[in-house]
Amino acid sequence: MIIEMPTYKTKPGKRTEFLEIFRSKSVPAHTEIGMKILGPFLSVEDPDTFFFMRGFPDLASREPMKAKFYEGALWKGELENVLMPMLEKYEVVLADDPEGLVHW
């Protein structure tokens, strides 16, 4: 399994609002496509930062699955214009879980 670990830093005071939308709209859409989501996990050091893990069956499926979400009607027509302005920055770490240690 391939795991992405995105870290998002929202603009000050926007984390709660971002996460409400993320949980209610983005996570179900990811799940429908076949991506696994674990989290979000909230930073205890920064009230505007959180991360989550997004799982893919393999490396070859990662880009097509992400494209299905990010090129889809939900993201393009609704979420992109609402969520992106709330972000200050984001980073992604990509990892392989060859032993299947992460259990969703």
PDB file of N, CA and C in Angstrom:
ATOM      1  N   MET A   1       0.832  -1.170   0.000  1.00  0.00           N
ATOM      2  CA  MET A   1       0.000   0.000   0.000  1.00  0.00           C
ATOM      3  C   MET A   1       0.886   1.245   0.000  1.00  0.00           C
ATOM      4  N   ILE A   2       0.464   2.247  -0.758  1.00  0.00           N
ATOM      5  CA  ILE A   2       1.159   3.533  -0.795  1.00  0.00           C
ATOM      6  C   ILE A   2       0.372   4.507   0.076  1.00  0.00           C
ATOM      7  N   ILE A   3       1.088   5.229   0.903  1.00  0.00           N
ATOM      8  CA  ILE A   3       0.446   6.160   1.832  1.00  0.00           C
ATOM      9  C   ILE A   3       0.996   7.556   1.612  1.00  0.00           C
ATOM     10  N   GLU A   4       0.083   8.488   1.420  1.00  0.00           N
ATOM     11  CA  GLU A   4       0.425   9.912   1.418  1.00  0.00           C
ATOM     12  C   GLU A   4       0.140  10.446   2.804  1.00  0.00           C
ATOM     13  N   MET A   5       1.022  11.309   3.279  1.00  0.00           N
ATOM     14  CA  MET A   5       0.809  11.960   4.564  1.00  0.00           C
ATOM     15  C   MET A   5       0.858  13.467   4.351  1.00  0.00           C
ATOM     16  N   PRO A   6      -0.278  14.062   3.969  1.00  0.00           N
ATOM     17  CA  PRO A   6      -0.322  15.511   3.786  1.00  0.00           C
ATOM     18  C   PRO A   6      -0.386  16.232   5.131  1.00  0.00           C
ATOM     19  N   THR A   7       0.349  17.322   5.235  1.00  0.00           N
ATOM     20  CA  THR A   7       0.255  18.231   6.372  1.00  0.00           C
ATOM     21  C   THR A   7      -0.275  19.549   5.850  1.00  0.00           C
ATOM     22  N   TYR A   8      -1.361  19.994   6.426  1.00  0.00           N
ATOM     23  CA  TYR A   8      -2.003  21.243   6.004  1.00  0.00           C
ATOM     24  C   TYR A   8      -1.889  22.268   7.114  1.00  0.00           C
ATOM     25  N   LYS A   9      -1.497  23.470   6.751  1.00  0.00           N
ATOM     26  CA  LYS A   9      -1.517  24.612   7.677  1.00  0.00           C
ATOM     27  C   LYS A   9      -2.549  25.586   7.123  1.00  0.00           C
ATOM     28  N   THR A  10      -3.594  25.781   7.903  1.00  0.00           N
ATOM     29  CA  THR A  10      -4.637  26.711   7.473  1.00  0.00           C
ATOM     30  C   THR A  10      -4.262  28.123   7.884  1.00  0.00           C
ATOM     31  N   LYS A  11      -4.933  29.079   7.299  1.00  0.00           N
ATOM     32  CA  LYS A  11      -4.787  30.457   7.752  1.00  0.00           C
ATOM     33  C   LYS A  11      -5.298  30.530   9.188  1.00  0.00           C
ATOM     34  N   PRO A  12      -4.805  31.468   9.980  1.00  0.00           N
ATOM     35  CA  PRO A  12      -5.174  31.524  11.396  1.00  0.00           C
ATOM     36  C   PRO A  12      -6.689  31.452  11.622  1.00  0.00           C
ATOM     37  N   GLY A  13      -7.060  30.517  12.505  1.00  0.00           N
ATOM     38  CA  GLY A  13      -8.451  30.370  12.898  1.00  0.00           C
ATOM     39  C   GLY A  13      -9.341  29.616  11.923  1.00  0.00           C
ATOM     40  N   LYS A  14      -8.792  29.071  10.844  1.00  0.00           N
ATOM     41  CA  LYS A  14      -9.604  28.421   9.808  1.00  0.00           C
ATOM     42  C   LYS A  14      -9.610  26.889   9.901  1.00  0.00           C
ATOM     43  N   ARG A  15      -8.813  26.318  10.815  1.00  0.00           N
ATOM     44  CA  ARG A  15      -8.695  24.858  10.857  1.00  0.00           C
ATOM     45  C   ARG A  15     -10.039  24.174  11.115  1.00  0.00           C
ATOM     46  N   THR A  16     -10.808  24.634  12.073  1.00  0.00           N
ATOM     47  CA  THR A  16     -12.088  24.002  12.406  1.00  0.00           C
ATOM     48  C   THR A  16     -13.040  24.026  11.223  1.00  0.00           C
ATOM     49  N   GLU A  17     -13.171  25.157  10.571  1.00  0.00           N
ATOM     50  CA  GLU A  17     -14.051  25.276   9.409  1.00  0.00           C
ATOM     51  C   GLU A  17     -13.577  24.369   8.273  1.00  0.00           C
ATOM     52  N   PHE A  18     -12.272  24.369   8.016  1.00  0.00           N
ATOM     53  CA  PHE A  18     -11.709  23.517   6.973  1.00  0.00           C
ATOM     54  C   PHE A  18     -12.034  22.054   7.261  1.00  0.00           C
ATOM     55  N   LEU A  19     -11.814  21.634   8.517  1.00  0.00           N
ATOM     56  CA  LEU A  19     -12.019  20.236   8.877  1.00  0.00           C
ATOM     57  C   LEU A  19     -13.482  19.820   8.800  1.00  0.00           C
ATOM     58  N   GLU A  20     -14.397  20.710   9.099  1.00  0.00           N
ATOM     59  CA  GLU A  20     -15.825  20.382   8.978  1.00  0.00           C
ATOM     60  C   GLU A  20     -16.161  20.024   7.533  1.00  0.00           C
ATOM     61  N   ILE A  21     -15.667  20.811   6.608  1.00  0.00           N
ATOM     62  CA  ILE A  21     -15.907  20.558   5.186  1.00  0.00           C
ATOM     63  C   ILE A  21     -15.148  19.311   4.735  1.00  0.00           C
ATOM     64  N   PHE A  22     -13.916  19.183   5.165  1.00  0.00           N
ATOM     65  CA  PHE A  22     -13.086  18.023   4.834  1.00  0.00           C
ATOM     66  C   PHE A  22     -13.780  16.731   5.253  1.00  0.00           C
ATOM     67  N   ARG A  23     -14.258  16.682   6.509  1.00  0.00           N
ATOM     68  CA  ARG A  23     -14.902  15.472   7.027  1.00  0.00           C
ATOM     69  C   ARG A  23     -16.230  15.182   6.331  1.00  0.00           C
ATOM     70  N   SER A  24     -17.021  16.202   6.095  1.00  0.00           N
ATOM     71  CA  SER A  24     -18.373  15.985   5.573  1.00  0.00           C
ATOM     72  C   SER A  24     -18.419  15.768   4.058  1.00  0.00           C
ATOM     73  N   LYS A  25     -17.488  16.353   3.328  1.00  0.00           N
ATOM     74  CA  LYS A  25     -17.564  16.266   1.858  1.00  0.00           C
ATOM     75  C   LYS A  25     -16.372  15.568   1.221  1.00  0.00           C
ATOM     76  N   SER A  26     -15.173  15.927   1.622  1.00  0.00           N
ATOM     77  CA  SER A  26     -13.981  15.391   0.973  1.00  0.00           C
ATOM     78  C   SER A  26     -13.739  13.919   1.316  1.00  0.00           C
ATOM     79  N   VAL A  27     -13.820  13.568   2.588  1.00  0.00           N
ATOM     80  CA  VAL A  27     -13.554  12.186   2.993  1.00  0.00           C
ATOM     81  C   VAL A  27     -14.527  11.210   2.330  1.00  0.00           C
ATOM     82  N   PRO A  28     -15.849  11.460   2.341  1.00  0.00           N
ATOM     83  CA  PRO A  28     -16.746  10.527   1.647  1.00  0.00           C
ATOM     84  C   PRO A  28     -16.442  10.396   0.150  1.00  0.00           C
ATOM     85  N   ALA A  29     -16.061  11.482  -0.490  1.00  0.00           N
ATOM     86  CA  ALA A  29     -15.733  11.429  -1.921  1.00  0.00           C
ATOM     87  C   ALA A  29     -14.472  10.599  -2.158  1.00  0.00           C
ATOM     88  N   HIS A  30     -13.475  10.741  -1.289  1.00  0.00           N
ATOM     89  CA  HIS A  30     -12.263   9.926  -1.394  1.00  0.00           C
ATOM     90  C   HIS A  30     -12.612   8.439  -1.243  1.00  0.00           C
ATOM     91  N   THR A  31     -13.425   8.148  -0.240  1.00  0.00           N
ATOM     92  CA  THR A  31     -13.813   6.762   0.037  1.00  0.00           C
ATOM     93  C   THR A  31     -14.558   6.151  -1.145  1.00  0.00           C
ATOM     94  N   GLU A  32     -15.420   6.929  -1.752  1.00  0.00           N
ATOM     95  CA  GLU A  32     -16.183   6.458  -2.907  1.00  0.00           C
ATOM     96  C   GLU A  32     -15.265   6.069  -4.068  1.00  0.00           C
ATOM     97  N   ILE A  33     -14.167   6.784  -4.206  1.00  0.00           N
ATOM     98  CA  ILE A  33     -13.193   6.502  -5.270  1.00  0.00           C
ATOM     99  C   ILE A  33     -12.335   5.285  -4.929  1.00  0.00           C
ATOM    100  N   GLY A  34     -12.234   4.951  -3.639  1.00  0.00           N
ATOM    101  CA  GLY A  34     -11.440   3.799  -3.221  1.00  0.00           C
ATOM    102  C   GLY A  34     -10.207   4.147  -2.423  1.00  0.00           C
ATOM    103  N   MET A  35     -10.025   5.442  -2.128  1.00  0.00           N
ATOM    104  CA  MET A  35      -8.900   5.853  -1.294  1.00  0.00           C
ATOM    105  C   MET A  35      -9.282   5.672   0.170  1.00  0.00           C
ATOM    106  N   LYS A  36      -8.320   5.304   0.960  1.00  0.00           N
ATOM    107  CA  LYS A  36      -8.525   5.165   2.398  1.00  0.00           C
ATOM    108  C   LYS A  36      -8.051   6.453   3.070  1.00  0.00           C
ATOM    109  N   ILE A  37      -8.801   6.924   4.048  1.00  0.00           N
ATOM    110  CA  ILE A  37      -8.411   8.112   4.804  1.00  0.00           C
ATOM    111  C   ILE A  37      -8.314   7.738   6.273  1.00  0.00           C
ATOM    112  N   LEU A  38      -7.202   8.088   6.893  1.00  0.00           N
ATOM    113  CA  LEU A  38      -7.014   7.909   8.325  1.00  0.00           C
ATOM    114  C   LEU A  38      -6.694   9.279   8.889  1.00  0.00           C
ATOM    115  N   GLY A  39      -7.489   9.714   9.817  1.00  0.00           N
ATOM    116  CA  GLY A  39      -7.326  11.050  10.377  1.00  0.00           C
ATOM    117  C   GLY A  39      -8.555  11.871  10.086  1.00  0.00           C
ATOM    118  N   PRO A  40      -8.496  13.129  10.298  1.00  0.00           N
ATOM    119  CA  PRO A  40      -7.325  13.981  10.509  1.00  0.00           C
ATOM    120  C   PRO A  40      -6.784  13.894  11.934  1.00  0.00           C
ATOM    121  N   PHE A  41      -5.522  14.239  12.041  1.00  0.00           N
ATOM    122  CA  PHE A  41      -4.827  14.325  13.309  1.00  0.00           C
ATOM    123  C   PHE A  41      -4.457  15.789  13.507  1.00  0.00           C
ATOM    124  N   LEU A  42      -4.792  16.321  14.664  1.00  0.00           N
ATOM    125  CA  LEU A  42      -4.570  17.738  14.939  1.00  0.00           C
ATOM    126  C   LEU A  42      -3.229  17.960  15.624  1.00  0.00           C
ATOM    127  N   SER A  43      -2.502  18.947  15.162  1.00  0.00           N
ATOM    128  CA  SER A  43      -1.239  19.310  15.803  1.00  0.00           C
ATOM    129  C   SER A  43      -1.524  19.831  17.206  1.00  0.00           C
ATOM    130  N   VAL A  44      -0.754  19.374  18.183  1.00  0.00           N
ATOM    131  CA  VAL A  44      -0.885  19.901  19.541  1.00  0.00           C
ATOM    132  C   VAL A  44      -0.011  21.141  19.731  1.00  0.00           C
ATOM    133  N   GLU A  45       0.873  21.398  18.768  1.00  0.00           N
ATOM    134  CA  GLU A  45       1.785  22.538  18.858  1.00  0.00           C
ATOM    135  C   GLU A  45       1.315  23.748  18.069  1.00  0.00           C
ATOM    136  N   ASP A  46       0.443  23.523  17.068  1.00  0.00           N
ATOM    137  CA  ASP A  46       0.006  24.612  16.208  1.00  0.00           C
ATOM    138  C   ASP A  46      -1.498  24.471  15.962  1.00  0.00           C
ATOM    139  N   PRO A  47      -2.300  25.408  16.450  1.00  0.00           N
ATOM    140  CA  PRO A  47      -3.758  25.293  16.322  1.00  0.00           C
ATOM    141  C   PRO A  47      -4.274  25.421  14.886  1.00  0.00           C
ATOM    142  N   ASP A  48      -3.393  25.684  13.946  1.00  0.00           N
ATOM    143  CA  ASP A  48      -3.799  25.829  12.547  1.00  0.00           C
ATOM    144  C   ASP A  48      -3.281  24.699  11.659  1.00  0.00           C
ATOM    145  N   THR A  49      -2.692  23.663  12.255  1.00  0.00           N
ATOM    146  CA  THR A  49      -2.083  22.591  11.475  1.00  0.00           C
ATOM    147  C   THR A  49      -2.728  21.251  11.798  1.00  0.00           C
ATOM    148  N   PHE A  50      -2.869  20.427  10.751  1.00  0.00           N
ATOM    149  CA  PHE A  50      -3.316  19.052  10.915  1.00  0.00           C
ATOM    150  C   PHE A  50      -2.718  18.205   9.803  1.00  0.00           C
ATOM    151  N   PHE A  51      -2.771  16.891   9.981  1.00  0.00           N
ATOM    152  CA  PHE A  51      -2.354  16.000   8.911  1.00  0.00           C
ATOM    153  C   PHE A  51      -3.299  14.813   8.878  1.00  0.00           C
ATOM    154  N   PHE A  52      -3.231  14.088   7.795  1.00  0.00           N
ATOM    155  CA  PHE A  52      -3.996  12.859   7.654  1.00  0.00           C
ATOM    156  C   PHE A  52      -3.212  11.918   6.766  1.00  0.00           C
ATOM    157  N   MET A  53      -3.643  10.682   6.712  1.00  0.00           N
ATOM    158  CA  MET A  53      -3.026   9.708   5.817  1.00  0.00           C
ATOM    159  C   MET A  53      -4.060   9.298   4.771  1.00  0.00           C
ATOM    160  N   ARG A  54      -3.597   9.210   3.544  1.00  0.00           N
ATOM    161  CA  ARG A  54      -4.458   8.818   2.432  1.00  0.00           C
ATOM    162  C   ARG A  54      -3.795   7.609   1.779  1.00  0.00           C
ATOM    163  N   GLY A  55      -4.524   6.481   1.749  1.00  0.00           N
ATOM    164  CA  GLY A  55      -3.952   5.239   1.253  1.00  0.00           C
ATOM    165  C   GLY A  55      -4.439   4.856  -0.130  1.00  0.00           C
ATOM    166  N   PHE A  56      -3.527   4.279  -0.904  1.00  0.00           N
ATOM    167  CA  PHE A  56      -3.788   3.810  -2.263  1.00  0.00           C
ATOM    168  C   PHE A  56      -3.335   2.360  -2.363  1.00  0.00           C
ATOM    169  N   PRO A  57      -4.005   1.563  -3.170  1.00  0.00           N
ATOM    170  CA  PRO A  57      -3.603   0.154  -3.284  1.00  0.00           C
ATOM    171  C   PRO A  57      -2.146  -0.022  -3.728  1.00  0.00           C
ATOM    172  N   ASP A  58      -1.693   0.844  -4.649  1.00  0.00           N
ATOM    173  CA  ASP A  58      -0.321   0.753  -5.154  1.00  0.00           C
ATOM    174  C   ASP A  58       0.044   2.087  -5.803  1.00  0.00           C
ATOM    175  N   LEU A  59       1.300   2.221  -6.183  1.00  0.00           N
ATOM    176  CA  LEU A  59       1.778   3.474  -6.753  1.00  0.00           C
ATOM    177  C   LEU A  59       1.087   3.790  -8.079  1.00  0.00           C
ATOM    178  N   ALA A  60       0.840   2.765  -8.892  1.00  0.00           N
ATOM    179  CA  ALA A  60       0.217   2.982 -10.207  1.00  0.00           C
ATOM    180  C   ALA A  60      -1.201   3.536 -10.088  1.00  0.00           C
ATOM    181  N   SER A  61      -1.900   3.233  -9.018  1.00  0.00           N
ATOM    182  CA  SER A  61      -3.280   3.708  -8.864  1.00  0.00           C
ATOM    183  C   SER A  61      -3.364   5.105  -8.243  1.00  0.00           C
ATOM    184  N   ARG A  62      -2.277   5.580  -7.670  1.00  0.00           N
ATOM    185  CA  ARG A  62      -2.303   6.848  -6.936  1.00  0.00           C
ATOM    186  C   ARG A  62      -2.731   8.022  -7.806  1.00  0.00           C
ATOM    187  N   GLU A  63      -2.028   8.277  -8.878  1.00  0.00           N
ATOM    188  CA  GLU A  63      -2.342   9.446  -9.706  1.00  0.00           C
ATOM    189  C   GLU A  63      -3.731   9.376 -10.345  1.00  0.00           C
ATOM    190  N   PRO A  64      -4.127   8.223 -10.919  1.00  0.00           N
ATOM    191  CA  PRO A  64      -5.482   8.164 -11.480  1.00  0.00           C
ATOM    192  C   PRO A  64      -6.582   8.382 -10.433  1.00  0.00           C
ATOM    193  N   MET A  65      -6.390   7.859  -9.234  1.00  0.00           N
ATOM    194  CA  MET A  65      -7.394   8.043  -8.178  1.00  0.00           C
ATOM    195  C   MET A  65      -7.454   9.499  -7.737  1.00  0.00           C
ATOM    196  N   LYS A  66      -6.285  10.109  -7.591  1.00  0.00           N
ATOM    197  CA  LYS A  66      -6.271  11.526  -7.215  1.00  0.00           C
ATOM    198  C   LYS A  66      -6.890  12.380  -8.315  1.00  0.00           C
ATOM    199  N   ALA A  67      -6.599  12.049  -9.554  1.00  0.00           N
ATOM    200  CA  ALA A  67      -7.159  12.811 -10.676  1.00  0.00           C
ATOM    201  C   ALA A  67      -8.681  12.705 -10.690  1.00  0.00           C
ATOM    202  N   LYS A  68      -9.194  11.537 -10.380  1.00  0.00           N
ATOM    203  CA  LYS A  68     -10.647  11.364 -10.361  1.00  0.00           C
ATOM    204  C   LYS A  68     -11.284  12.306  -9.332  1.00  0.00           C
ATOM    205  N   PHE A  69     -10.611  12.498  -8.204  1.00  0.00           N
ATOM    206  CA  PHE A  69     -11.129  13.420  -7.186  1.00  0.00           C
ATOM    207  C   PHE A  69     -10.910  14.879  -7.611  1.00  0.00           C
ATOM    208  N   TYR A  70      -9.658  15.235  -7.906  1.00  0.00           N
ATOM    209  CA  TYR A  70      -9.322  16.643  -8.149  1.00  0.00           C
ATOM    210  C   TYR A  70      -9.821  17.183  -9.486  1.00  0.00           C
ATOM    211  N   GLU A  71     -10.175  16.315 -10.399  1.00  0.00           N
ATOM    212  CA  GLU A  71     -10.762  16.760 -11.661  1.00  0.00           C
ATOM    213  C   GLU A  71     -12.285  16.572 -11.671  1.00  0.00           C
ATOM    214  N   GLY A  72     -12.820  16.070 -10.568  1.00  0.00           N
ATOM    215  CA  GLY A  72     -14.251  15.800 -10.464  1.00  0.00           C
ATOM    216  C   GLY A  72     -15.076  17.039 -10.154  1.00  0.00           C
ATOM    217  N   ALA A  73     -16.371  16.883 -10.309  1.00  0.00           N
ATOM    218  CA  ALA A  73     -17.315  17.985 -10.129  1.00  0.00           C
ATOM    219  C   ALA A  73     -17.316  18.539  -8.699  1.00  0.00           C
ATOM    220  N   LEU A  74     -17.199  17.665  -7.699  1.00  0.00           N
ATOM    221  CA  LEU A  74     -17.222  18.139  -6.311  1.00  0.00           C
ATOM    222  C   LEU A  74     -16.057  19.081  -6.045  1.00  0.00           C
ATOM    223  N   TRP A  75     -14.834  18.652  -6.418  1.00  0.00           N
ATOM    224  CA  TRP A  75     -13.665  19.492  -6.171  1.00  0.00           C
ATOM    225  C   TRP A  75     -13.707  20.752  -7.024  1.00  0.00           C
ATOM    226  N   LYS A  76     -13.875  20.582  -8.325  1.00  0.00           N
ATOM    227  CA  LYS A  76     -13.824  21.725  -9.246  1.00  0.00           C
ATOM    228  C   LYS A  76     -14.996  22.686  -9.042  1.00  0.00           C
ATOM    229  N   GLY A  77     -16.179  22.148  -8.779  1.00  0.00           N
ATOM    230  CA  GLY A  77     -17.357  22.994  -8.697  1.00  0.00           C
ATOM    231  C   GLY A  77     -17.658  23.566  -7.335  1.00  0.00           C
ATOM    232  N   GLU A  78     -17.049  22.975  -6.288  1.00  0.00           N
ATOM    233  CA  GLU A  78     -17.412  23.414  -4.938  1.00  0.00           C
ATOM    234  C   GLU A  78     -16.218  23.567  -3.997  1.00  0.00           C
ATOM    235  N   LEU A  79     -15.487  22.490  -3.785  1.00  0.00           N
ATOM    236  CA  LEU A  79     -14.490  22.489  -2.710  1.00  0.00           C
ATOM    237  C   LEU A  79     -13.241  23.309  -2.993  1.00  0.00           C
ATOM    238  N   GLU A  80     -12.752  23.301  -4.211  1.00  0.00           N
ATOM    239  CA  GLU A  80     -11.506  24.010  -4.527  1.00  0.00           C
ATOM    240  C   GLU A  80     -11.605  25.495  -4.163  1.00  0.00           C
ATOM    241  N   ASN A  81     -12.695  26.126  -4.541  1.00  0.00           N
ATOM    242  CA  ASN A  81     -12.854  27.568  -4.292  1.00  0.00           C
ATOM    243  C   ASN A  81     -13.147  27.905  -2.839  1.00  0.00           C
ATOM    244  N   VAL A  82     -13.545  26.910  -2.064  1.00  0.00           N
ATOM    245  CA  VAL A  82     -13.815  27.133  -0.642  1.00  0.00           C
ATOM    246  C   VAL A  82     -12.596  26.778   0.210  1.00  0.00           C
ATOM    247  N   LEU A  83     -11.991  25.618  -0.059  1.00  0.00           N
ATOM    248  CA  LEU A  83     -10.907  25.130   0.795  1.00  0.00           C
ATOM    249  C   LEU A  83      -9.550  25.760   0.506  1.00  0.00           C
ATOM    250  N   MET A  84      -9.205  25.909  -0.754  1.00  0.00           N
ATOM    251  CA  MET A  84      -7.868  26.421  -1.067  1.00  0.00           C
ATOM    252  C   MET A  84      -7.598  27.803  -0.469  1.00  0.00           C
ATOM    253  N   PRO A  85      -8.548  28.737  -0.475  1.00  0.00           N
ATOM    254  CA  PRO A  85      -8.273  30.040   0.147  1.00  0.00           C
ATOM    255  C   PRO A  85      -8.042  29.971   1.664  1.00  0.00           C
ATOM    256  N   MET A  86      -8.448  28.871   2.286  1.00  0.00           N
ATOM    257  CA  MET A  86      -8.239  28.718   3.732  1.00  0.00           C
ATOM    258  C   MET A  86      -6.838  28.229   4.062  1.00  0.00           C
ATOM    259  N   LEU A  87      -6.114  27.711   3.071  1.00  0.00           N
ATOM    260  CA  LEU A  87      -4.792  27.134   3.330  1.00  0.00           C
ATOM    261  C   LEU A  87      -3.682  28.164   3.207  1.00  0.00           C
ATOM    262  N   GLU A  88      -2.762  28.072   4.156  1.00  0.00           N
ATOM    263  CA  GLU A  88      -1.545  28.870   4.089  1.00  0.00           C
ATOM    264  C   GLU A  88      -0.465  28.089   3.348  1.00  0.00           C
ATOM    265  N   LYS A  89      -0.363  26.783   3.661  1.00  0.00           N
ATOM    266  CA  LYS A  89       0.592  25.922   2.954  1.00  0.00           C
ATOM    267  C   LYS A  89       0.241  24.470   3.211  1.00  0.00           C
ATOM    268  N   TYR A  90       0.783  23.604   2.364  1.00  0.00           N
ATOM    269  CA  TYR A  90       0.643  22.174   2.587  1.00  0.00           C
ATOM    270  C   TYR A  90       1.850  21.457   2.017  1.00  0.00           C
ATOM    271  N   GLU A  91       2.151  20.325   2.621  1.00  0.00           N
ATOM    272  CA  GLU A  91       3.268  19.482   2.207  1.00  0.00           C
ATOM    273  C   GLU A  91       2.776  18.040   2.207  1.00  0.00           C
ATOM    274  N   VAL A  92       3.387  17.217   1.362  1.00  0.00           N
ATOM    275  CA  VAL A  92       2.998  15.814   1.281  1.00  0.00           C
ATOM    276  C   VAL A  92       4.247  14.941   1.358  1.00  0.00           C
ATOM    277  N   VAL A  93       4.197  13.936   2.222  1.00  0.00           N
ATOM    278  CA  VAL A  93       5.222  12.913   2.292  1.00  0.00           C
ATOM    279  C   VAL A  93       4.592  11.645   1.731  1.00  0.00           C
ATOM    280  N   LEU A  94       5.303  10.961   0.848  1.00  0.00           N
ATOM    281  CA  LEU A  94       4.826   9.728   0.235  1.00  0.00           C
ATOM    282  C   LEU A  94       5.620   8.567   0.813  1.00  0.00           C
ATOM    283  N   ALA A  95       4.898   7.529   1.261  1.00  0.00           N
ATOM    284  CA  ALA A  95       5.554   6.389   1.894  1.00  0.00           C
ATOM    285  C   ALA A  95       4.987   5.080   1.363  1.00  0.00           C
ATOM    286  N   ASP A  96       5.792   4.049   1.441  1.00  0.00           N
ATOM    287  CA  ASP A  96       5.368   2.700   1.058  1.00  0.00           C
ATOM    288  C   ASP A  96       5.168   1.900   2.347  1.00  0.00           C
ATOM    289  N   ASP A  97       4.131   1.094   2.387  1.00  0.00           N
ATOM    290  CA  ASP A  97       3.842   0.221   3.521  1.00  0.00           C
ATOM    291  C   ASP A  97       3.884  -1.231   3.038  1.00  0.00           C
ATOM    292  N   PRO A  98       5.074  -1.726   2.664  1.00  0.00           N
ATOM    293  CA  PRO A  98       5.168  -3.047   2.041  1.00  0.00           C
ATOM    294  C   PRO A  98       4.784  -4.197   2.987  1.00  0.00           C
ATOM    295  N   GLU A  99       4.880  -3.964   4.276  1.00  0.00           N
ATOM    296  CA  GLU A  99       4.557  -5.010   5.248  1.00  0.00           C
ATOM    297  C   GLU A  99       3.088  -4.961   5.660  1.00  0.00           C
ATOM    298  N   GLY A 100       2.338  -3.975   5.176  1.00  0.00           N
ATOM    299  CA  GLY A 100       0.932  -3.857   5.543  1.00  0.00           C
ATOM    300  C   GLY A 100       0.739  -3.529   7.008  1.00  0.00           C
ATOM    301  N   LEU A 101       1.596  -2.692   7.551  1.00  0.00           N
ATOM    302  CA  LEU A 101       1.537  -2.364   8.979  1.00  0.00           C
ATOM    303  C   LEU A 101       0.380  -1.432   9.331  1.00  0.00           C
ATOM    304  N   VAL A 102      -0.040  -0.594   8.372  1.00  0.00           N
ATOM    305  CA  VAL A 102      -1.141   0.314   8.635  1.00  0.00           C
ATOM    306  C   VAL A 102      -2.444  -0.424   8.390  1.00  0.00           C
ATOM    307  N   HIS A 103      -3.301  -0.428   9.388  1.00  0.00           N
ATOM    308  CA  HIS A 103      -4.615  -1.078   9.276  1.00  0.00           C
ATOM    309  C   HIS A 103      -5.689  -0.013   9.367  1.00  0.00           C
ATOM    310  N   TRP A 104      -6.510   0.073   8.351  1.00  0.00           N
ATOM    311  CA  TRP A 104      -7.521   1.118   8.260  1.00  0.00           C
ATOM    312  C   TRP A 104      -8.748   0.712   9.020  1.00  0.00           C
TER     313      TRP A 104
END
